[in-house]
Amino acid sequence: MQEGQYESSVPTIADRVVQASLKLVLEPIFEADFKPCSYGFRPNRRAQDAIAEIHHFASESINYRWVFETDIKLDFRSFWVWPVIMTARCRVVAGCA
């Protein structure tokens, strides 16, 4: 590699195939654990859907008097990743609960 050049990190077709295959296998395993009120990074669910649900439950016609607390911060540096990886590995490989 010459000076001023950099190595490209564009995913190859093989990488894309592996990623899509993993998604098809892993998504149903973890999707079953989510509650219906969970919207983050789930198929067919958007932030706008979560806002619409909050608006619906907080509207006057429902007469609920609730306080909603939401967390919209995504910061993977705020927790230790290794236990999460090991839990995911156990869930996928051994079928642990």
Protein backbone atom coordinates (compact mmCIF):
# COMPACT_ATOMS: atom_id res chain seq x y z
CA MET A 1 0.00 0.00 0.00
CA GLN A 2 1.37 3.40 -0.94
CA GLU A 3 1.49 6.45 1.28
CA GLY A 4 -1.83 8.28 1.39
CA GLN A 5 -3.81 5.15 0.63
CA TYR A 6 -5.93 3.21 3.08
CA GLU A 7 -7.35 -0.26 3.18
CA SER A 8 -10.98 -0.41 2.14
CA SER A 9 -13.39 -1.95 4.62
CA VAL A 10 -16.37 -2.27 2.28
CA PRO A 11 -18.20 -5.52 3.05
CA THR A 12 -17.95 -8.13 0.36
CA ILE A 13 -20.87 -10.14 -0.97
CA ALA A 14 -19.78 -13.08 1.20
CA ASP A 15 -19.87 -10.85 4.29
CA ARG A 16 -23.37 -9.68 3.41
CA VAL A 17 -24.57 -13.26 2.94
CA VAL A 18 -23.18 -14.29 6.33
CA GLN A 19 -24.73 -11.23 8.02
CA ALA A 20 -28.14 -11.93 6.47
CA SER A 21 -27.94 -15.61 7.45
CA LEU A 22 -27.08 -14.77 11.04
CA LYS A 23 -29.94 -12.29 11.18
CA LEU A 24 -32.39 -14.96 9.99
CA VAL A 25 -31.18 -17.36 12.70
CA LEU A 26 -30.70 -14.98 15.64
CA GLU A 27 -33.63 -12.62 15.22
CA PRO A 28 -36.42 -15.11 16.09
CA ILE A 29 -34.47 -16.37 19.12
CA PHE A 30 -34.15 -12.95 20.72
CA GLU A 31 -37.39 -11.47 19.38
CA ALA A 32 -39.35 -13.96 21.50
CA ASP A 33 -37.89 -12.41 24.68
CA PHE A 34 -39.06 -8.85 23.99
CA LYS A 35 -42.22 -7.42 25.48
CA PRO A 36 -44.82 -5.90 23.15
CA CYS A 37 -44.04 -2.43 24.54
CA SER A 38 -40.39 -2.67 23.43
CA TYR A 39 -39.59 -0.73 20.26
CA GLY A 40 -35.81 -0.41 20.06
CA PHE A 41 -34.15 -1.93 16.99
CA ARG A 42 -36.94 -4.42 16.32
CA PRO A 43 -38.35 -5.45 12.94
CA ASN A 44 -41.42 -3.49 11.83
CA ARG A 45 -41.18 -1.10 14.82
CA ARG A 46 -40.03 2.49 14.63
CA ALA A 47 -39.43 5.30 17.07
CA GLN A 48 -42.51 6.98 15.60
CA ASP A 49 -44.59 3.94 16.65
CA ALA A 50 -43.38 4.27 20.24
CA ILE A 51 -44.19 7.99 20.24
CA ALA A 52 -47.67 7.27 18.83
CA GLU A 53 -48.31 4.71 21.58
CA ILE A 54 -47.17 7.15 24.27
CA HIS A 55 -49.41 9.82 22.78
CA HIS A 56 -52.36 7.40 22.69
CA PHE A 57 -52.01 6.35 26.32
CA ALA A 58 -51.36 9.89 27.50
CA SER A 59 -54.31 11.42 25.65
CA GLU A 60 -57.37 12.76 27.47
CA SER A 61 -59.76 10.27 25.85
CA ILE A 62 -58.10 7.37 27.67
CA ASN A 63 -58.09 9.19 31.03
CA TYR A 64 -54.88 7.57 32.20
CA ARG A 65 -52.76 9.62 34.56
CA TRP A 66 -49.36 8.07 34.07
CA VAL A 67 -45.81 9.28 34.08
CA PHE A 68 -43.79 8.03 31.13
CA GLU A 69 -40.08 7.57 31.39
CA THR A 70 -38.20 6.78 28.23
CA ASP A 71 -34.57 6.14 27.51
CA ILE A 72 -33.49 7.30 24.09
CA LYS A 73 -29.78 7.31 24.80
CA LEU A 74 -27.78 4.60 23.09
CA ASP A 75 -24.39 4.35 24.72
CA PHE A 76 -22.68 0.97 24.61
CA ARG A 77 -19.76 2.39 26.56
CA SER A 78 -21.92 2.60 29.68
CA PHE A 79 -21.88 -1.13 30.40
CA TRP A 80 -19.44 -3.98 30.23
CA VAL A 81 -20.00 -5.88 26.97
CA TRP A 82 -18.49 -9.26 27.85
CA PRO A 83 -21.39 -10.51 30.07
CA VAL A 84 -23.82 -9.55 27.32
CA ILE A 85 -21.82 -11.48 24.73
CA MET A 86 -21.60 -14.55 26.98
CA THR A 87 -25.34 -14.45 27.71
CA ALA A 88 -26.10 -14.22 23.99
CA ARG A 89 -23.72 -17.09 23.28
CA CYS A 90 -25.37 -19.27 25.92
CA ARG A 91 -28.83 -18.38 24.57
CA VAL A 92 -27.98 -19.26 20.99
CA VAL A 93 -25.68 -22.27 21.44
CA ALA A 94 -27.12 -24.03 24.46
CA GLY A 95 -30.63 -22.67 24.47
CA CYS A 96 -30.24 -21.26 27.99
CA ALA A 97 -33.12 -19.22 29.32
